[in-house]
Amino acid sequence: GKGEREADYAMGSTITSRSWRILDGEETHIVQLRHNNVSGRRVLLIDGKVVTNSLKIMDAEENMRFRIGSKSGVVMIRIQYFSFTYECRYEGQPVPEMTFDIRDHEEKEYSCTIPSVSIRTVNGKKVAVFRVEMTCDGKTETFNKRYRDFATFDAYLRGGFDGHHLLQNLPHLPPKQVYLLTDHFSKPFLSERRKQLEMYVNKLVKVPKVVTNPDFVAFFTKRQRTRSEGKRNNGQLDSKSSNPSGDNSNKKGETDEYEDMYAHASASAPEGEGMVDINFDKD
């Protein structure tokens, strides 16, 4: 059913994201809204799974209703003057939005290194996959990310800070380079991009509210699902759909990784031919 569909959408820089943490007894649930202010696309997710996907040709107000077990809630989109407001209610009670709630504050110490990159040919196309090592509380996890994964993540994260004063504190993602003018697979280019991405993440984790943002948690959390679950993907929204992790495994007997933004991080990069690993000396 649509409640089980995964959200794997690159909605662009026009997205506004809002997140609410619902405490229901001993369970915690995350409600997320993604709203493309230009196209009118709205996507409501509960714990990373799409429960409502709507498109308003003339962007308008809407009540997006949801259920968690036997209990009900609603995310209300309203127009106030020339901007939108967002409110979540659960069982009739208002729920504070995570980024704007000063009480919702739990920080952890993170550090990032990107020691190497793999150049692979996937479906006839050359791709660069960075090995990202994230350390928190003395534990290091390894992720394989393409630049486009970071671009999708950055768009979602910025959407979560839209309208908040901390938005101006977020570092900028290293800019895209024109393919015709730059060799994207030369060691000097990849070395510079590695350093820029590493610097980007290490600056990012120092901004308050970032490491508890659901999209940050998703990007740096590993979860797996079976191949049959991996086939349930409802495609794209407003622009090219891409797996934010870029990490699909199709070998028999192996598991596919979650492709939704809530839990899309992965331990293995796409399989390909002609793999070349480049290791960088720390500088």
Protein backbone atom coordinates (compact mmCIF):
# COMPACT_ATOMS: atom_id res chain seq x y z
CA GLY A 1 0.00 0.00 0.00
CA LYS A 2 1.05 3.61 -0.34
CA GLY A 3 1.85 3.74 3.37
CA GLU A 4 4.75 1.39 2.66
CA ARG A 5 6.17 3.31 -0.27
CA GLU A 6 9.58 4.81 0.14
CA ALA A 7 10.34 8.47 -0.50
CA ASP A 8 13.20 8.80 -2.94
CA TYR A 9 12.65 12.17 -4.44
CA ALA A 10 14.99 14.94 -5.48
CA MET A 11 12.48 17.77 -5.15
CA GLY A 12 14.98 20.53 -5.69
CA SER A 13 16.01 23.61 -3.76
CA THR A 14 12.43 24.94 -3.61
CA ILE A 15 11.47 22.39 -0.98
CA THR A 16 10.38 23.26 2.54
CA SER A 17 10.64 20.46 5.11
CA ARG A 18 9.03 20.29 8.52
CA SER A 19 9.50 17.55 11.13
CA TRP A 20 7.56 16.69 14.27
CA ARG A 21 8.54 14.18 16.95
CA ILE A 22 5.55 12.31 18.36
CA LEU A 23 5.94 10.54 21.69
CA ASP A 24 3.31 7.84 22.00
CA GLY A 25 3.85 5.88 25.20
CA GLU A 26 7.24 4.18 24.86
CA GLU A 27 7.31 4.69 21.09
CA THR A 28 8.72 7.65 19.19
CA HIS A 29 7.59 8.51 15.67
CA ILE A 30 8.80 11.15 13.24
CA VAL A 31 6.28 12.93 11.02
CA GLN A 32 7.83 14.78 8.08
CA LEU A 33 6.32 17.05 5.47
CA ARG A 34 8.08 17.93 2.22
CA HIS A 35 6.46 20.79 0.32
CA ASN A 36 7.67 21.98 -3.07
CA ASN A 37 6.53 25.58 -3.07
CA VAL A 38 6.78 25.89 -6.86
CA SER A 39 5.13 22.70 -8.15
CA GLY A 40 2.68 22.31 -5.26
CA ARG A 41 3.83 18.77 -4.52
CA ARG A 42 3.34 17.70 -0.88
CA VAL A 43 4.65 14.47 0.59
CA LEU A 44 3.86 13.33 4.13
CA LEU A 45 6.05 10.67 5.71
CA ILE A 46 5.74 8.73 8.95
CA ASP A 47 9.07 7.25 10.08
CA GLY A 48 10.37 7.67 6.54
CA LYS A 49 7.48 5.98 4.74
CA VAL A 50 5.18 7.92 2.43
CA VAL A 51 1.58 8.01 3.66
CA THR A 52 0.26 10.87 1.52
CA ASN A 53 1.48 12.19 -1.82
CA SER A 54 -0.52 15.05 -3.31
CA LEU A 55 -0.12 17.67 -6.01
CA LYS A 56 -1.93 20.98 -5.90
CA ILE A 57 -1.78 22.64 -9.32
CA MET A 58 -2.80 25.91 -7.74
CA ASP A 59 -0.81 25.67 -4.51
CA ALA A 60 -3.42 25.90 -1.77
CA GLU A 61 -4.20 25.09 1.83
CA GLU A 62 -4.59 21.45 2.80
CA ASN A 63 -5.17 19.12 5.75
CA MET A 64 -2.98 16.02 5.40
CA ARG A 65 -4.39 13.39 7.75
CA PHE A 66 -2.51 10.36 9.06
CA ARG A 67 -2.85 7.53 11.55
CA ILE A 68 -0.35 5.87 13.87
CA GLY A 69 -1.96 2.68 15.08
CA SER A 70 -5.43 3.57 16.30
CA LYS A 71 -4.61 7.25 16.84
CA SER A 72 -4.98 10.05 14.33
CA GLY A 73 -3.19 13.24 13.45
CA VAL A 74 -3.16 15.98 10.86
CA VAL A 75 -0.59 18.29 9.28
CA MET A 76 -2.21 21.57 8.33
CA ILE A 77 -0.82 23.71 5.52
CA ARG A 78 -2.09 27.26 5.60
CA ILE A 79 -1.42 30.41 3.59
CA GLN A 80 -0.65 33.50 5.61
CA TYR A 81 -0.19 36.60 3.50
CA PHE A 82 2.28 35.40 0.83
CA SER A 83 3.86 32.48 2.69
CA PHE A 84 2.89 29.08 4.06
CA THR A 85 2.55 28.00 7.67
CA TYR A 86 2.66 24.41 8.89
CA GLU A 87 1.14 22.88 12.01
CA CYS A 88 0.90 19.30 13.24
CA ARG A 89 -1.74 18.03 15.66
CA TYR A 90 -1.87 14.54 17.12
CA GLU A 91 -5.01 13.40 18.88
CA GLY A 92 -6.12 17.03 18.80
CA GLN A 93 -3.01 18.33 20.59
CA PRO A 94 -0.39 20.60 18.92
CA VAL A 95 3.05 19.04 18.36
CA PRO A 96 6.13 21.32 18.41
CA GLU A 97 8.15 21.41 15.18
CA MET A 98 11.59 19.93 15.87
CA THR A 99 13.81 22.63 14.37
CA PHE A 100 11.85 25.53 15.86
CA ASP A 101 11.36 23.96 19.31
CA ILE A 102 14.15 25.20 21.59
CA ARG A 103 13.44 22.33 23.98
CA ASP A 104 14.14 19.73 21.28
CA HIS A 105 17.89 19.91 21.60
CA GLU A 106 20.26 16.96 21.90
CA GLU A 107 23.69 17.30 20.37
CA LYS A 108 26.37 14.70 19.68
CA GLU A 109 29.98 15.05 18.63
CA TYR A 110 30.57 13.95 15.04
CA SER A 111 33.67 14.00 12.86
CA CYS A 112 34.02 13.05 9.22
CA THR A 113 36.88 11.80 7.06
CA ILE A 114 36.80 10.83 3.37
CA PRO A 115 39.96 8.78 2.81
CA SER A 116 39.29 7.36 -0.65
CA VAL A 117 37.11 7.27 -3.74
CA SER A 118 36.20 4.48 -6.17
CA ILE A 119 35.70 5.12 -9.88
CA ARG A 120 33.28 2.61 -11.36
CA THR A 121 31.38 1.99 -14.56
CA VAL A 122 27.70 1.42 -13.82
CA ASN A 123 25.32 0.74 -16.70
CA GLY A 124 27.89 2.10 -19.10
CA LYS A 125 28.38 5.32 -17.13
CA LYS A 126 31.42 6.27 -15.10
CA VAL A 127 30.69 7.27 -11.49
CA ALA A 128 32.77 8.36 -8.51
CA VAL A 129 31.85 6.94 -5.09
CA PHE A 130 33.40 8.50 -1.99
CA ARG A 131 34.16 6.44 1.10
CA VAL A 132 32.79 8.48 4.00
CA GLU A 133 33.77 7.63 7.56
CA MET A 134 31.61 9.19 10.28
CA THR A 135 32.69 8.93 13.92
CA CYS A 136 30.34 9.57 16.84
CA ASP A 137 30.94 8.68 20.49
CA GLY A 138 34.04 6.72 19.51
CA LYS A 139 32.18 4.55 16.96
CA THR A 140 32.96 4.85 13.25
CA GLU A 141 30.51 3.93 10.49
CA THR A 142 31.44 3.78 6.81
CA PHE A 143 29.19 4.95 3.97
CA ASN A 144 29.62 5.14 0.22
CA LYS A 145 28.24 8.33 -1.30
CA ARG A 146 28.18 9.95 -4.69
CA TYR A 147 28.15 13.72 -5.07
CA ARG A 148 24.50 13.63 -6.11
CA ASP A 149 23.68 11.93 -2.79
CA PHE A 150 25.14 14.91 -0.97
CA ALA A 151 23.20 17.29 -3.26
CA THR A 152 19.86 15.62 -2.44
CA PHE A 153 20.70 15.51 1.26
CA ASP A 154 21.71 19.18 1.25
CA ALA A 155 18.44 20.23 -0.42
CA TYR A 156 16.35 18.32 2.13
CA LEU A 157 18.38 19.60 5.08
CA ARG A 158 18.12 23.21 3.96
CA GLY A 159 14.40 22.76 3.51
CA GLY A 160 14.21 21.78 7.18
CA PHE A 161 15.81 25.08 8.20
CA ASP A 162 13.76 27.23 5.83
CA GLY A 163 12.53 30.23 7.81
CA HIS A 164 14.87 29.56 10.74
CA HIS A 165 17.74 31.88 11.64
CA LEU A 166 20.15 28.93 11.63
CA LEU A 167 19.72 28.54 7.85
CA GLN A 168 22.39 31.18 7.28
CA ASN A 169 24.81 29.13 9.42
CA LEU A 170 24.64 26.07 7.17
CA PRO A 171 27.80 25.66 5.07
CA HIS A 172 27.44 25.52 1.32
CA LEU A 173 27.85 22.27 -0.55
CA PRO A 174 30.82 22.28 -2.95
CA PRO A 175 29.43 23.58 -6.26
CA LYS A 176 28.83 21.45 -9.32
CA GLN A 177 31.37 21.71 -12.11
CA VAL A 178 30.65 21.75 -15.85
CA TYR A 179 31.54 18.37 -17.33
CA LEU A 180 32.79 19.85 -20.60
CA LEU A 181 35.30 22.04 -18.77
CA THR A 182 36.44 19.71 -15.99
CA ASP A 183 37.69 16.13 -15.85
CA HIS A 184 35.51 14.83 -13.02
CA PHE A 185 37.59 11.66 -12.66
CA SER A 186 41.09 13.09 -12.48
CA LYS A 187 42.92 12.59 -9.21
CA PRO A 188 43.44 16.37 -8.64
CA PHE A 189 39.70 17.05 -9.12
CA LEU A 190 38.61 14.17 -6.87
CA SER A 191 41.19 15.13 -4.26
CA GLU A 192 39.84 18.67 -4.12
CA ARG A 193 36.22 17.54 -4.06
CA ARG A 194 37.03 15.06 -1.28
CA LYS A 195 38.52 17.84 0.83
CA GLN A 196 35.57 20.14 0.15
CA LEU A 197 32.99 17.49 1.04
CA GLU A 198 34.88 16.55 4.19
CA MET A 199 35.05 20.21 5.21
CA TYR A 200 31.35 20.64 4.40
CA VAL A 201 30.27 17.78 6.69
CA ASN A 202 32.60 18.80 9.54
CA LYS A 203 31.24 22.35 9.46
CA LEU A 204 27.69 21.08 9.19
CA VAL A 205 27.82 18.96 12.36
CA LYS A 206 28.81 22.01 14.39
CA VAL A 207 25.58 23.88 13.56
CA PRO A 208 22.94 23.44 16.29
CA LYS A 209 19.97 21.23 15.41
CA VAL A 210 21.71 19.59 12.44
CA VAL A 211 22.71 16.23 13.90
CA THR A 212 19.20 15.64 15.28
CA ASN A 213 17.52 16.60 12.01
CA PRO A 214 15.74 13.49 10.64
CA ASP A 215 17.37 13.86 7.22
CA PHE A 216 20.84 13.99 8.77
CA VAL A 217 20.02 10.90 10.81
CA ALA A 218 18.77 9.17 7.66
CA PHE A 219 21.80 10.07 5.60
CA PHE A 220 24.19 8.66 8.17
CA THR A 221 22.22 5.62 9.36
CA LYS A 222 22.44 2.15 7.88
CA ARG A 223 19.31 0.12 7.35
CA GLN A 224 18.63 -2.79 5.06
CA ARG A 225 15.60 -4.41 3.54
CA THR A 226 14.95 -7.47 1.44
CA ARG A 227 15.04 -7.39 -2.35
CA SER A 228 11.26 -7.84 -2.54
CA GLU A 229 10.82 -4.74 -0.41
CA GLY A 230 13.33 -2.94 -2.59
CA LYS A 231 11.06 -3.26 -5.60
CA ARG A 232 8.33 -1.16 -3.98
CA ASN A 233 9.43 2.26 -5.14
CA ASN A 234 6.92 4.70 -6.54
CA GLY A 235 9.37 6.62 -8.70
CA GLN A 236 9.79 10.34 -8.82
CA LEU A 237 8.08 13.59 -7.99
CA ASP A 238 9.15 16.80 -9.64
CA SER A 239 12.54 16.14 -11.12
CA LYS A 240 14.83 13.24 -11.86
CA SER A 241 14.42 10.57 -9.21
CA SER A 242 17.68 9.29 -7.85
CA ASN A 243 18.51 6.99 -4.99
CA PRO A 244 20.11 9.47 -2.57
CA SER A 245 22.55 6.81 -1.42
CA GLY A 246 23.41 5.65 -4.91
CA ASP A 247 23.92 2.31 -3.26
CA ASN A 248 21.88 -0.49 -4.84
CA SER A 249 22.74 -4.15 -4.55
CA ASN A 250 21.15 -6.53 -7.03
CA LYS A 251 23.04 -9.74 -6.48
CA LYS A 252 20.94 -12.75 -5.60
CA GLY A 253 20.89 -13.53 -1.93
CA GLU A 254 21.94 -10.00 -0.98
CA THR A 255 19.78 -7.28 0.47
CA ASP A 256 18.91 -3.99 -1.17
CA GLU A 257 19.36 -0.85 0.86
CA TYR A 258 16.54 1.47 1.79
CA GLU A 259 16.11 4.07 -0.93
CA ASP A 260 13.99 6.54 1.01
CA MET A 261 15.52 9.68 2.47
CA TYR A 262 14.73 8.58 6.01
CA ALA A 263 17.01 5.54 5.94
CA HIS A 264 18.84 5.42 2.67
CA ALA A 265 22.46 5.23 3.79
CA SER A 266 24.31 2.10 2.78
CA ALA A 267 27.43 0.09 3.32
CA SER A 268 28.04 -0.87 -0.32
CA ALA A 269 28.31 1.23 -3.44
CA PRO A 270 26.79 0.26 -6.79
CA GLU A 271 28.39 -2.73 -8.44
CA GLY A 272 30.25 -1.87 -11.60
CA GLU A 273 33.03 -2.81 -13.95
CA GLY A 274 36.53 -1.47 -14.17
CA MET A 275 36.65 -0.31 -10.58
CA VAL A 276 39.61 1.91 -9.67
CA ASP A 277 40.28 2.86 -6.05
CA ILE A 278 42.11 6.11 -5.27
CA ASN A 279 43.48 6.63 -1.78
CA PHE A 280 44.48 10.08 -0.60
CA ASP A 281 47.30 10.98 1.73
CA LYS A 282 46.07 13.11 4.59
CA ASP A 283 46.93 16.71 3.98
